[in-house]
Amino acid sequence: MAKVKTIYSAPMLSARQAMDKLLLSIGDEEVRAELQKWLHDGLTGSGSTLHRLRPEQLTLFLDKLPDLLLALYCQQQEDQKGERP
């Protein structure tokens, strides 16, 4: 079985406490706000099915996520340029 990296491996933290700690560690308010939006969507929206992935699928998902985010960022940049007169 694939070993999954966790952000709450310390026995004193719940998953929610670990998420809060992670967000509080981010000094840039815009970045923190964007991550909070993603967290909210992950808990309530289309990302709320993440828990259904098997550990090896989660590892692959985490590996591909930075590439997807960069592609999404680039697409949004291109869309912005296309909207300008």
PDB file of N, CA and C in Angstrom:
ATOM      1  N   MET A   1       0.839  -1.189   0.000  1.00  0.00           N
ATOM      2  CA  MET A   1       0.000   0.000   0.000  1.00  0.00           C
ATOM      3  C   MET A   1       0.879   1.245   0.000  1.00  0.00           C
ATOM      4  N   ALA A   2       0.440   2.250  -0.746  1.00  0.00           N
ATOM      5  CA  ALA A   2       1.196   3.490  -0.837  1.00  0.00           C
ATOM      6  C   ALA A   2       1.147   4.236   0.495  1.00  0.00           C
ATOM      7  N   LYS A   3       2.261   4.840   0.823  1.00  0.00           N
ATOM      8  CA  LYS A   3       2.328   5.637   2.047  1.00  0.00           C
ATOM      9  C   LYS A   3       1.842   7.045   1.738  1.00  0.00           C
ATOM     10  N   VAL A   4       0.868   7.517   2.481  1.00  0.00           N
ATOM     11  CA  VAL A   4       0.277   8.823   2.252  1.00  0.00           C
ATOM     12  C   VAL A   4       0.837   9.823   3.256  1.00  0.00           C
ATOM     13  N   LYS A   5       1.329  10.930   2.732  1.00  0.00           N
ATOM     14  CA  LYS A   5       1.807  12.018   3.582  1.00  0.00           C
ATOM     15  C   LYS A   5       0.602  12.673   4.240  1.00  0.00           C
ATOM     16  N   THR A   6       0.690  12.945   5.528  1.00  0.00           N
ATOM     17  CA  THR A   6      -0.405  13.616   6.211  1.00  0.00           C
ATOM     18  C   THR A   6       0.102  14.908   6.835  1.00  0.00           C
ATOM     19  N   ILE A   7      -0.815  15.850   6.984  1.00  0.00           N
ATOM     20  CA  ILE A   7      -0.442  17.117   7.627  1.00  0.00           C
ATOM     21  C   ILE A   7      -0.801  17.105   9.095  1.00  0.00           C
ATOM     22  N   TYR A   8      -1.408  16.031   9.545  1.00  0.00           N
ATOM     23  CA  TYR A   8      -1.798  15.996  10.959  1.00  0.00           C
ATOM     24  C   TYR A   8      -1.282  14.734  11.644  1.00  0.00           C
ATOM     25  N   SER A   9      -0.042  14.383  11.318  1.00  0.00           N
ATOM     26  CA  SER A   9       0.543  13.179  11.903  1.00  0.00           C
ATOM     27  C   SER A   9       0.839  13.322  13.393  1.00  0.00           C
ATOM     28  N   ALA A  10       0.949  14.548  13.870  1.00  0.00           N
ATOM     29  CA  ALA A  10       1.143  14.739  15.311  1.00  0.00           C
ATOM     30  C   ALA A  10      -0.129  14.292  16.021  1.00  0.00           C
ATOM     31  N   PRO A  11      -0.015  13.462  17.033  1.00  0.00           N
ATOM     32  CA  PRO A  11      -1.198  12.876  17.660  1.00  0.00           C
ATOM     33  C   PRO A  11      -2.122  13.880  18.341  1.00  0.00           C
ATOM     34  N   MET A  12      -1.673  15.086  18.575  1.00  0.00           N
ATOM     35  CA  MET A  12      -2.491  16.060  19.282  1.00  0.00           C
ATOM     36  C   MET A  12      -3.408  16.858  18.351  1.00  0.00           C
ATOM     37  N   LEU A  13      -3.218  16.745  17.033  1.00  0.00           N
ATOM     38  CA  LEU A  13      -3.998  17.551  16.108  1.00  0.00           C
ATOM     39  C   LEU A  13      -5.054  16.720  15.383  1.00  0.00           C
ATOM     40  N   SER A  14      -6.262  17.250  15.316  1.00  0.00           N
ATOM     41  CA  SER A  14      -7.284  16.655  14.463  1.00  0.00           C
ATOM     42  C   SER A  14      -7.037  17.168  13.045  1.00  0.00           C
ATOM     43  N   ALA A  15      -7.704  16.587  12.078  1.00  0.00           N
ATOM     44  CA  ALA A  15      -7.569  17.056  10.698  1.00  0.00           C
ATOM     45  C   ALA A  15      -7.970  18.526  10.602  1.00  0.00           C
ATOM     46  N   ARG A  16      -9.044  18.903  11.264  1.00  0.00           N
ATOM     47  CA  ARG A  16      -9.508  20.293  11.214  1.00  0.00           C
ATOM     48  C   ARG A  16      -8.486  21.239  11.848  1.00  0.00           C
ATOM     49  N   GLN A  17      -7.909  20.829  12.968  1.00  0.00           N
ATOM     50  CA  GLN A  17      -6.884  21.654  13.616  1.00  0.00           C
ATOM     51  C   GLN A  17      -5.666  21.811  12.713  1.00  0.00           C
ATOM     52  N   ALA A  18      -5.310  20.747  12.012  1.00  0.00           N
ATOM     53  CA  ALA A  18      -4.164  20.804  11.093  1.00  0.00           C
ATOM     54  C   ALA A  18      -4.447  21.763   9.937  1.00  0.00           C
ATOM     55  N   MET A  19      -5.684  21.734   9.415  1.00  0.00           N
ATOM     56  CA  MET A  19      -6.047  22.661   8.333  1.00  0.00           C
ATOM     57  C   MET A  19      -5.981  24.097   8.828  1.00  0.00           C
ATOM     58  N   ASP A  20      -6.505  24.346  10.019  1.00  0.00           N
ATOM     59  CA  ASP A  20      -6.459  25.690  10.601  1.00  0.00           C
ATOM     60  C   ASP A  20      -5.020  26.144  10.804  1.00  0.00           C
ATOM     61  N   LYS A  21      -4.188  25.249  11.309  1.00  0.00           N
ATOM     62  CA  LYS A  21      -2.779  25.574  11.543  1.00  0.00           C
ATOM     63  C   LYS A  21      -2.077  25.897  10.225  1.00  0.00           C
ATOM     64  N   LEU A  22      -2.375  25.113   9.192  1.00  0.00           N
ATOM     65  CA  LEU A  22      -1.786  25.359   7.882  1.00  0.00           C
ATOM     66  C   LEU A  22      -2.182  26.743   7.369  1.00  0.00           C
ATOM     67  N   LEU A  23      -3.461  27.062   7.438  1.00  0.00           N
ATOM     68  CA  LEU A  23      -3.919  28.361   6.947  1.00  0.00           C
ATOM     69  C   LEU A  23      -3.324  29.516   7.746  1.00  0.00           C
ATOM     70  N   LEU A  24      -3.218  29.347   9.049  1.00  0.00           N
ATOM     71  CA  LEU A  24      -2.649  30.400   9.890  1.00  0.00           C
ATOM     72  C   LEU A  24      -1.162  30.621   9.625  1.00  0.00           C
ATOM     73  N   SER A  25      -0.501  29.613   9.071  1.00  0.00           N
ATOM     74  CA  SER A  25       0.936  29.721   8.805  1.00  0.00           C
ATOM     75  C   SER A  25       1.242  30.510   7.534  1.00  0.00           C
ATOM     76  N   ILE A  26       0.209  30.873   6.776  1.00  0.00           N
ATOM     77  CA  ILE A  26       0.394  31.572   5.508  1.00  0.00           C
ATOM     78  C   ILE A  26       0.258  33.069   5.746  1.00  0.00           C
ATOM     79  N   GLY A  27       1.337  33.787   5.514  1.00  0.00           N
ATOM     80  CA  GLY A  27       1.363  35.217   5.791  1.00  0.00           C
ATOM     81  C   GLY A  27       0.656  36.066   4.751  1.00  0.00           C
ATOM     82  N   ASP A  28       0.597  35.615   3.526  1.00  0.00           N
ATOM     83  CA  ASP A  28      -0.030  36.381   2.453  1.00  0.00           C
ATOM     84  C   ASP A  28      -1.543  36.206   2.521  1.00  0.00           C
ATOM     85  N   GLU A  29      -2.256  37.300   2.777  1.00  0.00           N
ATOM     86  CA  GLU A  29      -3.705  37.214   2.980  1.00  0.00           C
ATOM     87  C   GLU A  29      -4.460  36.781   1.733  1.00  0.00           C
ATOM     88  N   GLU A  30      -4.004  37.198   0.546  1.00  0.00           N
ATOM     89  CA  GLU A  30      -4.678  36.781  -0.689  1.00  0.00           C
ATOM     90  C   GLU A  30      -4.522  35.281  -0.913  1.00  0.00           C
ATOM     91  N   VAL A  31      -3.333  34.780  -0.655  1.00  0.00           N
ATOM     92  CA  VAL A  31      -3.088  33.340  -0.807  1.00  0.00           C
ATOM     93  C   VAL A  31      -3.917  32.567   0.212  1.00  0.00           C
ATOM     94  N   ARG A  32      -3.943  33.045   1.446  1.00  0.00           N
ATOM     95  CA  ARG A  32      -4.740  32.381   2.482  1.00  0.00           C
ATOM     96  C   ARG A  32      -6.223  32.366   2.101  1.00  0.00           C
ATOM     97  N   ALA A  33      -6.733  33.482   1.594  1.00  0.00           N
ATOM     98  CA  ALA A  33      -8.142  33.564   1.193  1.00  0.00           C
ATOM     99  C   ALA A  33      -8.440  32.594   0.049  1.00  0.00           C
ATOM    100  N   GLU A  34      -7.532  32.497  -0.903  1.00  0.00           N
ATOM    101  CA  GLU A  34      -7.735  31.562  -2.019  1.00  0.00           C
ATOM    102  C   GLU A  34      -7.744  30.119  -1.517  1.00  0.00           C
ATOM    103  N   LEU A  35      -6.819  29.800  -0.615  1.00  0.00           N
ATOM    104  CA  LEU A  35      -6.785  28.447  -0.047  1.00  0.00           C
ATOM    105  C   LEU A  35      -8.037  28.156   0.777  1.00  0.00           C
ATOM    106  N   GLN A  36      -8.543  29.157   1.469  1.00  0.00           N
ATOM    107  CA  GLN A  36      -9.776  28.966   2.237  1.00  0.00           C
ATOM    108  C   GLN A  36     -10.948  28.660   1.313  1.00  0.00           C
ATOM    109  N   LYS A  37     -10.990  29.305   0.131  1.00  0.00           N
ATOM    110  CA  LYS A  37     -12.033  28.996  -0.847  1.00  0.00           C
ATOM    111  C   LYS A  37     -11.924  27.546  -1.305  1.00  0.00           C
ATOM    112  N   TRP A  38     -10.693  27.114  -1.582  1.00  0.00           N
ATOM    113  CA  TRP A  38     -10.478  25.737  -2.031  1.00  0.00           C
ATOM    114  C   TRP A  38     -10.838  24.764  -0.911  1.00  0.00           C
ATOM    115  N   LEU A  39     -10.499  25.108   0.314  1.00  0.00           N
ATOM    116  CA  LEU A  39     -10.842  24.252   1.448  1.00  0.00           C
ATOM    117  C   LEU A  39     -12.355  24.137   1.579  1.00  0.00           C
ATOM    118  N   HIS A  40     -13.051  25.252   1.477  1.00  0.00           N
ATOM    119  CA  HIS A  40     -14.507  25.234   1.580  1.00  0.00           C
ATOM    120  C   HIS A  40     -15.105  24.351   0.488  1.00  0.00           C
ATOM    121  N   ASP A  41     -14.616  24.503  -0.736  1.00  0.00           N
ATOM    122  CA  ASP A  41     -15.127  23.682  -1.832  1.00  0.00           C
ATOM    123  C   ASP A  41     -14.804  22.207  -1.601  1.00  0.00           C
ATOM    124  N   GLY A  42     -13.643  21.952  -1.025  1.00  0.00           N
ATOM    125  CA  GLY A  42     -13.259  20.572  -0.737  1.00  0.00           C
ATOM    126  C   GLY A  42     -14.109  19.921   0.342  1.00  0.00           C
ATOM    127  N   LEU A  43     -14.654  20.736   1.217  1.00  0.00           N
ATOM    128  CA  LEU A  43     -15.494  20.195   2.286  1.00  0.00           C
ATOM    129  C   LEU A  43     -16.966  20.142   1.907  1.00  0.00           C
ATOM    130  N   THR A  44     -17.403  21.045   1.043  1.00  0.00           N
ATOM    131  CA  THR A  44     -18.837  21.139   0.758  1.00  0.00           C
ATOM    132  C   THR A  44     -19.207  20.991  -0.713  1.00  0.00           C
ATOM    133  N   GLY A  45     -18.268  21.229  -1.604  1.00  0.00           N
ATOM    134  CA  GLY A  45     -18.596  21.253  -3.029  1.00  0.00           C
ATOM    135  C   GLY A  45     -18.117  20.029  -3.773  1.00  0.00           C
ATOM    136  N   SER A  46     -17.667  20.273  -4.990  1.00  0.00           N
ATOM    137  CA  SER A  46     -17.269  19.169  -5.864  1.00  0.00           C
ATOM    138  C   SER A  46     -16.052  18.412  -5.340  1.00  0.00           C
ATOM    139  N   GLY A  47     -15.278  19.009  -4.462  1.00  0.00           N
ATOM    140  CA  GLY A  47     -14.115  18.333  -3.896  1.00  0.00           C
ATOM    141  C   GLY A  47     -14.429  17.453  -2.701  1.00  0.00           C
ATOM    142  N   SER A  48     -15.698  17.386  -2.338  1.00  0.00           N
ATOM    143  CA  SER A  48     -16.058  16.648  -1.121  1.00  0.00           C
ATOM    144  C   SER A  48     -16.030  15.129  -1.295  1.00  0.00           C
ATOM    145  N   THR A  49     -15.682  14.643  -2.471  1.00  0.00           N
ATOM    146  CA  THR A  49     -15.590  13.193  -2.697  1.00  0.00           C
ATOM    147  C   THR A  49     -14.146  12.698  -2.640  1.00  0.00           C
ATOM    148  N   LEU A  50     -13.235  13.556  -2.289  1.00  0.00           N
ATOM    149  CA  LEU A  50     -11.814  13.207  -2.222  1.00  0.00           C
ATOM    150  C   LEU A  50     -11.560  11.990  -1.332  1.00  0.00           C
ATOM    151  N   HIS A  51     -12.331  11.867  -0.284  1.00  0.00           N
ATOM    152  CA  HIS A  51     -12.137  10.768   0.666  1.00  0.00           C
ATOM    153  C   HIS A  51     -12.370   9.390   0.043  1.00  0.00           C
ATOM    154  N   ARG A  52     -12.970   9.342  -1.123  1.00  0.00           N
ATOM    155  CA  ARG A  52     -13.245   8.062  -1.789  1.00  0.00           C
ATOM    156  C   ARG A  52     -12.030   7.481  -2.494  1.00  0.00           C
ATOM    157  N   LEU A  53     -10.997   8.291  -2.672  1.00  0.00           N
ATOM    158  CA  LEU A  53      -9.797   7.797  -3.342  1.00  0.00           C
ATOM    159  C   LEU A  53      -9.029   6.836  -2.439  1.00  0.00           C
ATOM    160  N   ARG A  54      -8.516   5.792  -3.042  1.00  0.00           N
ATOM    161  CA  ARG A  54      -7.624   4.885  -2.314  1.00  0.00           C
ATOM    162  C   ARG A  54      -6.281   5.595  -2.121  1.00  0.00           C
ATOM    163  N   PRO A  55      -5.469   5.175  -1.156  1.00  0.00           N
ATOM    164  CA  PRO A  55      -4.197   5.866  -0.904  1.00  0.00           C
ATOM    165  C   PRO A  55      -3.316   6.024  -2.138  1.00  0.00           C
ATOM    166  N   GLU A  56      -3.217   5.001  -2.970  1.00  0.00           N
ATOM    167  CA  GLU A  56      -2.376   5.120  -4.169  1.00  0.00           C
ATOM    168  C   GLU A  56      -2.985   6.102  -5.177  1.00  0.00           C
ATOM    169  N   GLN A  57      -4.312   6.195  -5.219  1.00  0.00           N
ATOM    170  CA  GLN A  57      -4.957   7.181  -6.082  1.00  0.00           C
ATOM    171  C   GLN A  57      -4.727   8.594  -5.545  1.00  0.00           C
ATOM    172  N   LEU A  58      -4.771   8.742  -4.231  1.00  0.00           N
ATOM    173  CA  LEU A  58      -4.506  10.045  -3.622  1.00  0.00           C
ATOM    174  C   LEU A  58      -3.084  10.491  -3.917  1.00  0.00           C
ATOM    175  N   THR A  59      -2.141   9.573  -3.857  1.00  0.00           N
ATOM    176  CA  THR A  59      -0.750   9.897  -4.171  1.00  0.00           C
ATOM    177  C   THR A  59      -0.629  10.408  -5.600  1.00  0.00           C
ATOM    178  N   LEU A  60      -1.283   9.742  -6.543  1.00  0.00           N
ATOM    179  CA  LEU A  60      -1.264  10.178  -7.935  1.00  0.00           C
ATOM    180  C   LEU A  60      -1.954  11.540  -8.080  1.00  0.00           C
ATOM    181  N   PHE A  61      -3.087  11.705  -7.420  1.00  0.00           N
ATOM    182  CA  PHE A  61      -3.822  12.978  -7.455  1.00  0.00           C
ATOM    183  C   PHE A  61      -2.929  14.109  -6.960  1.00  0.00           C
ATOM    184  N   LEU A  62      -2.263  13.905  -5.833  1.00  0.00           N
ATOM    185  CA  LEU A  62      -1.389  14.930  -5.264  1.00  0.00           C
ATOM    186  C   LEU A  62      -0.212  15.237  -6.187  1.00  0.00           C
ATOM    187  N   ASP A  63       0.271  14.217  -6.880  1.00  0.00           N
ATOM    188  CA  ASP A  63       1.375  14.400  -7.822  1.00  0.00           C
ATOM    189  C   ASP A  63       0.956  15.272  -9.008  1.00  0.00           C
ATOM    190  N   LYS A  64      -0.277  15.109  -9.465  1.00  0.00           N
ATOM    191  CA  LYS A  64      -0.762  15.828 -10.647  1.00  0.00           C
ATOM    192  C   LYS A  64      -1.391  17.185 -10.321  1.00  0.00           C
ATOM    193  N   LEU A  65      -1.750  17.402  -9.077  1.00  0.00           N
ATOM    194  CA  LEU A  65      -2.440  18.633  -8.688  1.00  0.00           C
ATOM    195  C   LEU A  65      -1.647  19.909  -9.006  1.00  0.00           C
ATOM    196  N   PRO A  66      -0.344  19.992  -8.727  1.00  0.00           N
ATOM    197  CA  PRO A  66       0.391  21.226  -9.072  1.00  0.00           C
ATOM    198  C   PRO A  66       0.336  21.535 -10.567  1.00  0.00           C
ATOM    199  N   ASP A  67       0.418  20.502 -11.409  1.00  0.00           N
ATOM    200  CA  ASP A  67       0.345  20.721 -12.854  1.00  0.00           C
ATOM    201  C   ASP A  67      -1.030  21.240 -13.255  1.00  0.00           C
ATOM    202  N   LEU A  68      -2.062  20.674 -12.661  1.00  0.00           N
ATOM    203  CA  LEU A  68      -3.418  21.117 -12.952  1.00  0.00           C
ATOM    204  C   LEU A  68      -3.630  22.566 -12.519  1.00  0.00           C
ATOM    205  N   LEU A  69      -3.142  22.909 -11.342  1.00  0.00           N
ATOM    206  CA  LEU A  69      -3.284  24.281 -10.851  1.00  0.00           C
ATOM    207  C   LEU A  69      -2.557  25.275 -11.746  1.00  0.00           C
ATOM    208  N   LEU A  70      -1.371  24.904 -12.210  1.00  0.00           N
ATOM    209  CA  LEU A  70      -0.635  25.789 -13.102  1.00  0.00           C
ATOM    210  C   LEU A  70      -1.371  25.949 -14.428  1.00  0.00           C
ATOM    211  N   ALA A  71      -1.916  24.868 -14.964  1.00  0.00           N
ATOM    212  CA  ALA A  71      -2.681  24.943 -16.207  1.00  0.00           C
ATOM    213  C   ALA A  71      -3.930  25.806 -16.021  1.00  0.00           C
ATOM    214  N   LEU A  72      -4.593  25.655 -14.890  1.00  0.00           N
ATOM    215  CA  LEU A  72      -5.772  26.467 -14.586  1.00  0.00           C
ATOM    216  C   LEU A  72      -5.404  27.940 -14.476  1.00  0.00           C
ATOM    217  N   TYR A  73      -4.319  28.223 -13.803  1.00  0.00           N
ATOM    218  CA  TYR A  73      -3.828  29.601 -13.679  1.00  0.00           C
ATOM    219  C   TYR A  73      -3.551  30.195 -15.059  1.00  0.00           C
ATOM    220  N   CYS A  74      -2.855  29.437 -15.903  1.00  0.00           N
ATOM    221  CA  CYS A  74      -2.530  29.918 -17.252  1.00  0.00           C
ATOM    222  C   CYS A  74      -3.797  30.150 -18.066  1.00  0.00           C
ATOM    223  N   GLN A  75      -4.764  29.257 -17.951  1.00  0.00           N
ATOM    224  CA  GLN A  75      -6.025  29.428 -18.669  1.00  0.00           C
ATOM    225  C   GLN A  75      -6.745  30.699 -18.224  1.00  0.00           C
ATOM    226  N   GLN A  76      -6.757  30.938 -16.918  1.00  0.00           N
ATOM    227  CA  GLN A  76      -7.398  32.153 -16.415  1.00  0.00           C
ATOM    228  C   GLN A  76      -6.671  33.398 -16.910  1.00  0.00           C
ATOM    229  N   GLN A  77      -5.344  33.337 -16.973  1.00  0.00           N
ATOM    230  CA  GLN A  77      -4.571  34.463 -17.502  1.00  0.00           C
ATOM    231  C   GLN A  77      -4.915  34.709 -18.966  1.00  0.00           C
ATOM    232  N   GLU A  78      -5.001  33.634 -19.755  1.00  0.00           N
ATOM    233  CA  GLU A  78      -5.363  33.767 -21.164  1.00  0.00           C
ATOM    234  C   GLU A  78      -6.786  34.322 -21.311  1.00  0.00           C
ATOM    235  N   ASP A  79      -7.692  33.846 -20.491  1.00  0.00           N
ATOM    236  CA  ASP A  79      -9.075  34.346 -20.534  1.00  0.00           C
ATOM    237  C   ASP A  79      -9.122  35.835 -20.221  1.00  0.00           C
ATOM    238  N   GLN A  80      -8.337  36.270 -19.245  1.00  0.00           N
ATOM    239  CA  GLN A  80      -8.294  37.693 -18.882  1.00  0.00           C
ATOM    240  C   GLN A  80      -7.792  38.535 -20.050  1.00  0.00           C
ATOM    241  N   LYS A  81      -6.772  38.063 -20.724  1.00  0.00           N
ATOM    242  CA  LYS A  81      -6.228  38.808 -21.870  1.00  0.00           C
ATOM    243  C   LYS A  81      -7.237  38.879 -22.993  1.00  0.00           C
ATOM    244  N   GLY A  82      -8.029  37.834 -23.175  1.00  0.00           N
ATOM    245  CA  GLY A  82      -9.039  37.804 -24.231  1.00  0.00           C
ATOM    246  C   GLY A  82     -10.211  38.706 -23.953  1.00  0.00           C
ATOM    247  N   GLU A  83     -10.461  38.998 -22.668  1.00  0.00           N
ATOM    248  CA  GLU A  83     -11.598  39.850 -22.283  1.00  0.00           C
ATOM    249  C   GLU A  83     -11.278  41.337 -22.419  1.00  0.00           C
ATOM    250  N   ARG A  84     -10.014  41.666 -22.453  1.00  0.00           N
ATOM    251  CA  ARG A  84      -9.633  43.075 -22.528  1.00  0.00           C
ATOM    252  C   ARG A  84      -9.849  43.601 -23.945  1.00  0.00           C
ATOM    253  N   PRO A  85     -10.320  44.838 -24.050  1.00  0.00           N
ATOM    254  CA  PRO A  85     -10.541  45.409 -25.404  1.00  0.00           C
ATOM    255  C   PRO A  85      -9.249  45.674 -26.130  1.00  0.00           C
TER     256      PRO A  85
END
